């Protein structure tokens, strides 16, 4: 029974650590860019889009602008995914839990 209590304490601490790490991710941000910085997007660690900046130089060509916006979003999203995997991987190493993060 002593081992079970110890296991439960470890699980609770791990859960608390994961929750703190998830909160900290929300405070971090990454910048995705496209077109040499003509379009910039900032996304937080919870994959929420925080800001968009578009250079006036690219506003004349709507199709190009749409492509740049999409590319900048995908760049930011990929960077957040990598950040999340890096930070949360400390806790989920060896676990196969689809959709956890």
N, C-alpha and C. Protein backbone atom coordinates (compact mmCIF):
# COMPACT_ATOMS: atom_id res chain seq x y z
N UNK A 1 0.82 -1.20 0.00
CA UNK A 1 0.00 0.00 0.00
C UNK A 1 0.87 1.26 0.00
N UNK A 2 2.02 1.17 0.65
CA UNK A 2 2.92 2.32 0.69
C UNK A 2 3.37 2.71 -0.71
N UNK A 3 3.65 1.72 -1.54
CA UNK A 3 4.06 1.99 -2.92
C UNK A 3 2.95 2.66 -3.71
N UNK A 4 1.71 2.27 -3.45
CA UNK A 4 0.56 2.86 -4.14
C UNK A 4 0.42 4.34 -3.76
N UNK A 5 0.59 4.65 -2.49
CA UNK A 5 0.51 6.04 -2.04
C UNK A 5 1.62 6.87 -2.67
N UNK A 6 2.80 6.30 -2.74
CA UNK A 6 3.92 7.00 -3.37
C UNK A 6 3.65 7.23 -4.85
N UNK A 7 3.12 6.23 -5.51
CA UNK A 7 2.77 6.34 -6.92
C UNK A 7 1.72 7.43 -7.14
N UNK A 8 0.74 7.48 -6.27
CA UNK A 8 -0.31 8.50 -6.38
C UNK A 8 0.27 9.91 -6.18
N UNK A 9 1.17 10.05 -5.24
CA UNK A 9 1.82 11.37 -5.02
C UNK A 9 2.62 11.78 -6.24
N UNK A 10 3.34 10.81 -6.82
CA UNK A 10 4.13 11.12 -8.02
C UNK A 10 3.22 11.52 -9.18
N UNK A 11 2.11 10.83 -9.33
CA UNK A 11 1.17 11.14 -10.41
C UNK A 11 0.58 12.53 -10.21
N UNK A 12 0.24 12.86 -8.97
CA UNK A 12 -0.32 14.19 -8.68
C UNK A 12 0.70 15.28 -8.97
N UNK A 13 1.96 15.06 -8.57
CA UNK A 13 3.01 16.05 -8.84
C UNK A 13 3.21 16.22 -10.33
N UNK A 14 3.21 15.10 -11.06
CA UNK A 14 3.38 15.17 -12.51
C UNK A 14 2.24 15.95 -13.14
N UNK A 15 1.03 15.72 -12.67
CA UNK A 15 -0.14 16.45 -13.19
C UNK A 15 0.01 17.95 -12.92
N UNK A 16 0.44 18.30 -11.72
CA UNK A 16 0.65 19.72 -11.37
C UNK A 16 1.73 20.34 -12.25
N UNK A 17 2.82 19.59 -12.47
CA UNK A 17 3.91 20.09 -13.32
C UNK A 17 3.44 20.31 -14.75
N UNK A 18 2.64 19.39 -15.27
CA UNK A 18 2.11 19.52 -16.62
C UNK A 18 1.21 20.74 -16.73
N UNK A 19 0.36 20.96 -15.73
CA UNK A 19 -0.53 22.12 -15.75
C UNK A 19 0.27 23.42 -15.72
N UNK A 20 1.34 23.47 -14.93
CA UNK A 20 2.19 24.66 -14.88
C UNK A 20 2.87 24.89 -16.22
N UNK A 21 3.34 23.80 -16.83
CA UNK A 21 4.00 23.92 -18.13
C UNK A 21 3.03 24.41 -19.19
N UNK A 22 1.79 23.93 -19.15
CA UNK A 22 0.79 24.38 -20.11
C UNK A 22 0.48 25.87 -19.92
N UNK A 23 0.39 26.31 -18.68
CA UNK A 23 0.18 27.73 -18.41
C UNK A 23 1.34 28.56 -18.93
N UNK A 24 2.55 28.09 -18.70
CA UNK A 24 3.74 28.81 -19.16
C UNK A 24 3.77 28.90 -20.69
N UNK A 25 3.30 27.86 -21.37
CA UNK A 25 3.26 27.90 -22.83
C UNK A 25 2.36 29.04 -23.32
N UNK A 26 1.28 29.29 -22.61
CA UNK A 26 0.37 30.37 -22.99
C UNK A 26 1.02 31.73 -22.91
N UNK A 27 2.05 31.84 -22.11
CA UNK A 27 2.75 33.12 -21.95
C UNK A 27 3.89 33.28 -22.96
N UNK A 28 4.23 32.21 -23.65
CA UNK A 28 5.29 32.28 -24.65
C UNK A 28 4.68 32.58 -26.00
N UNK A 29 5.48 33.12 -26.89
CA UNK A 29 4.98 33.42 -28.23
C UNK A 29 6.05 33.11 -29.26
N UNK A 30 5.58 32.88 -30.46
CA UNK A 30 6.46 32.66 -31.61
C UNK A 30 5.98 33.55 -32.74
N UNK A 31 6.89 33.83 -33.66
CA UNK A 31 6.54 34.65 -34.81
C UNK A 31 6.71 33.83 -36.07
N UNK A 32 5.67 33.81 -36.86
CA UNK A 32 5.73 33.18 -38.17
C UNK A 32 5.81 34.27 -39.22
N UNK A 33 6.62 34.05 -40.24
CA UNK A 33 6.79 35.07 -41.28
C UNK A 33 6.69 34.42 -42.66
N UNK A 34 6.44 35.28 -43.63
CA UNK A 34 6.43 34.86 -45.04
C UNK A 34 6.81 36.06 -45.88
N UNK A 35 7.29 35.77 -47.07
CA UNK A 35 7.65 36.85 -48.00
C UNK A 35 8.78 37.72 -47.48
N UNK A 36 9.74 37.09 -46.82
CA UNK A 36 10.87 37.86 -46.29
C UNK A 36 10.46 38.83 -45.20
N UNK A 37 9.42 38.50 -44.49
CA UNK A 37 8.94 39.36 -43.40
C UNK A 37 7.83 40.30 -43.81
N UNK A 38 7.34 40.16 -45.04
CA UNK A 38 6.25 41.03 -45.51
C UNK A 38 4.97 40.76 -44.72
N UNK A 39 4.78 39.52 -44.29
CA UNK A 39 3.65 39.17 -43.44
C UNK A 39 4.21 38.49 -42.20
N UNK A 40 3.80 38.98 -41.04
CA UNK A 40 4.25 38.42 -39.76
C UNK A 40 3.03 38.13 -38.90
N UNK A 41 3.08 36.98 -38.24
CA UNK A 41 2.01 36.61 -37.32
C UNK A 41 2.64 36.16 -36.02
N UNK A 42 2.06 36.59 -34.91
CA UNK A 42 2.52 36.15 -33.61
C UNK A 42 1.43 35.26 -33.02
N UNK A 43 1.87 34.10 -32.53
CA UNK A 43 0.96 33.12 -31.97
C UNK A 43 1.50 32.72 -30.59
N UNK A 44 0.60 32.56 -29.62
CA UNK A 44 1.07 32.13 -28.31
C UNK A 44 1.17 30.61 -28.26
N UNK A 45 1.67 30.10 -27.15
CA UNK A 45 1.88 28.68 -27.00
C UNK A 45 0.61 27.85 -26.93
N UNK A 46 -0.54 28.49 -26.87
CA UNK A 46 -1.82 27.78 -26.92
C UNK A 46 -2.40 27.81 -28.33
N UNK A 47 -1.58 28.21 -29.28
CA UNK A 47 -1.96 28.28 -30.70
C UNK A 47 -3.06 29.31 -30.96
N UNK A 48 -3.04 30.37 -30.16
CA UNK A 48 -3.97 31.48 -30.39
C UNK A 48 -3.21 32.58 -31.14
N UNK A 49 -3.80 33.06 -32.21
CA UNK A 49 -3.20 34.11 -33.01
C UNK A 49 -3.32 35.42 -32.24
N UNK A 50 -2.18 36.08 -32.00
CA UNK A 50 -2.17 37.29 -31.19
C UNK A 50 -2.09 38.56 -32.03
N UNK A 51 -1.35 38.51 -33.12
CA UNK A 51 -1.25 39.70 -33.96
C UNK A 51 -0.85 39.33 -35.38
N UNK A 52 -1.18 40.25 -36.29
CA UNK A 52 -0.84 40.10 -37.70
C UNK A 52 -0.30 41.45 -38.17
N UNK A 53 0.81 41.41 -38.88
CA UNK A 53 1.37 42.62 -39.47
C UNK A 53 1.61 42.36 -40.95
N UNK A 54 1.11 43.27 -41.78
CA UNK A 54 1.25 43.12 -43.23
C UNK A 54 1.90 44.37 -43.79
N UNK A 55 2.96 44.18 -44.54
CA UNK A 55 3.65 45.29 -45.17
C UNK A 55 2.78 45.87 -46.29
N UNK A 56 2.69 47.18 -46.38
CA UNK A 56 1.91 47.79 -47.46
C UNK A 56 2.41 47.40 -48.86
N UNK A 57 3.65 46.96 -48.94
CA UNK A 57 4.23 46.59 -50.23
C UNK A 57 3.53 45.40 -50.88
N UNK A 58 2.83 44.58 -50.09
CA UNK A 58 2.23 43.37 -50.65
C UNK A 58 0.71 43.46 -50.74
N UNK A 59 0.15 44.61 -50.51
CA UNK A 59 -1.32 44.72 -50.49
C UNK A 59 -1.93 44.89 -51.88
N UNK A 60 -1.12 45.13 -52.88
CA UNK A 60 -1.65 45.33 -54.23
C UNK A 60 -2.05 44.03 -54.92
N UNK A 61 -1.42 42.93 -54.53
CA UNK A 61 -1.66 41.64 -55.17
C UNK A 61 -2.39 40.74 -54.17
N UNK A 62 -3.70 40.65 -54.31
CA UNK A 62 -4.53 39.92 -53.34
C UNK A 62 -4.16 38.45 -53.29
N UNK A 63 -3.96 37.81 -54.43
CA UNK A 63 -3.63 36.38 -54.43
C UNK A 63 -2.30 36.13 -53.72
N UNK A 64 -1.32 36.95 -53.99
CA UNK A 64 -0.03 36.80 -53.33
C UNK A 64 -0.18 37.04 -51.82
N UNK A 65 -0.95 38.04 -51.45
CA UNK A 65 -1.17 38.35 -50.04
C UNK A 65 -1.84 37.17 -49.33
N UNK A 66 -2.82 36.57 -49.98
CA UNK A 66 -3.48 35.40 -49.39
C UNK A 66 -2.48 34.27 -49.16
N UNK A 67 -1.63 34.04 -50.15
CA UNK A 67 -0.62 32.99 -50.02
C UNK A 67 0.36 33.31 -48.89
N UNK A 68 0.75 34.57 -48.77
CA UNK A 68 1.69 34.96 -47.72
C UNK A 68 1.06 34.82 -46.33
N UNK A 69 -0.21 35.19 -46.22
CA UNK A 69 -0.90 35.06 -44.93
C UNK A 69 -0.97 33.59 -44.53
N UNK A 70 -1.34 32.74 -45.46
CA UNK A 70 -1.41 31.31 -45.19
C UNK A 70 -0.04 30.77 -44.79
N UNK A 71 0.99 31.16 -45.51
CA UNK A 71 2.35 30.68 -45.23
C UNK A 71 2.82 31.16 -43.86
N UNK A 72 2.54 32.41 -43.52
CA UNK A 72 2.96 32.94 -42.22
C UNK A 72 2.22 32.21 -41.09
N UNK A 73 0.94 31.94 -41.28
CA UNK A 73 0.17 31.21 -40.28
C UNK A 73 0.74 29.80 -40.10
N UNK A 74 1.01 29.13 -41.21
CA UNK A 74 1.56 27.77 -41.12
C UNK A 74 2.93 27.77 -40.45
N UNK A 75 3.73 28.79 -40.72
CA UNK A 75 5.05 28.90 -40.09
C UNK A 75 4.90 29.07 -38.58
N UNK A 76 4.02 29.97 -38.16
CA UNK A 76 3.80 30.19 -36.73
C UNK A 76 3.24 28.94 -36.07
N UNK A 77 2.28 28.31 -36.72
CA UNK A 77 1.66 27.10 -36.17
C UNK A 77 2.70 26.00 -36.00
N UNK A 78 3.55 25.80 -36.97
CA UNK A 78 4.60 24.78 -36.89
C UNK A 78 5.56 25.08 -35.74
N UNK A 79 5.92 26.34 -35.57
CA UNK A 79 6.83 26.72 -34.49
C UNK A 79 6.20 26.48 -33.12
N UNK A 80 4.92 26.76 -32.99
CA UNK A 80 4.23 26.50 -31.72
C UNK A 80 4.16 25.00 -31.47
N UNK A 81 3.89 24.23 -32.50
CA UNK A 81 3.84 22.78 -32.34
C UNK A 81 5.19 22.25 -31.86
N UNK A 82 6.26 22.74 -32.45
CA UNK A 82 7.59 22.32 -32.05
C UNK A 82 7.90 22.75 -30.61
N UNK A 83 7.50 23.97 -30.26
CA UNK A 83 7.70 24.47 -28.89
C UNK A 83 6.93 23.60 -27.90
N UNK A 84 5.69 23.30 -28.23
CA UNK A 84 4.85 22.48 -27.34
C UNK A 84 5.45 21.09 -27.17
N UNK A 85 5.86 20.48 -28.27
CA UNK A 85 6.44 19.14 -28.19
C UNK A 85 7.73 19.16 -27.37
N UNK A 86 8.51 20.21 -27.53
CA UNK A 86 9.75 20.32 -26.78
C UNK A 86 9.49 20.48 -25.28
N UNK A 87 8.57 21.38 -24.94
CA UNK A 87 8.29 21.65 -23.53
C UNK A 87 7.52 20.52 -22.86
N UNK A 88 6.52 20.01 -23.53
CA UNK A 88 5.67 18.99 -22.91
C UNK A 88 6.28 17.60 -23.05
N UNK A 89 7.22 17.43 -23.96
CA UNK A 89 7.87 16.15 -24.14
C UNK A 89 8.60 15.68 -22.90
N UNK A 90 8.97 16.62 -22.04
CA UNK A 90 9.63 16.26 -20.79
C UNK A 90 8.72 15.37 -19.94
N UNK A 91 7.43 15.60 -20.06
CA UNK A 91 6.46 14.90 -19.23
C UNK A 91 5.82 13.70 -19.93
N UNK A 92 5.83 13.73 -21.25
CA UNK A 92 5.12 12.68 -21.98
C UNK A 92 6.06 11.71 -22.68
N UNK A 93 7.34 11.83 -22.42
CA UNK A 93 8.33 10.96 -23.06
C UNK A 93 7.95 9.50 -22.85
N UNK A 94 7.84 8.77 -23.94
CA UNK A 94 7.52 7.37 -23.87
C UNK A 94 6.03 7.07 -23.82
N UNK A 95 5.21 8.10 -23.65
CA UNK A 95 3.76 7.89 -23.61
C UNK A 95 3.20 8.08 -25.01
N UNK A 96 2.22 7.31 -25.35
CA UNK A 96 1.55 7.47 -26.64
C UNK A 96 0.10 7.84 -26.35
N UNK A 97 -0.15 9.16 -26.22
CA UNK A 97 -1.48 9.64 -25.90
C UNK A 97 -1.92 10.59 -27.01
N UNK A 98 -2.60 10.05 -28.03
CA UNK A 98 -3.01 10.88 -29.17
C UNK A 98 -3.88 12.06 -28.71
N UNK A 99 -3.58 13.23 -29.25
CA UNK A 99 -4.39 14.41 -28.98
C UNK A 99 -4.18 15.05 -27.63
N UNK A 100 -3.15 14.61 -26.87
CA UNK A 100 -2.93 15.19 -25.56
C UNK A 100 -2.56 16.66 -25.67
N UNK A 101 -1.73 17.01 -26.64
CA UNK A 101 -1.35 18.41 -26.81
C UNK A 101 -1.62 18.79 -28.21
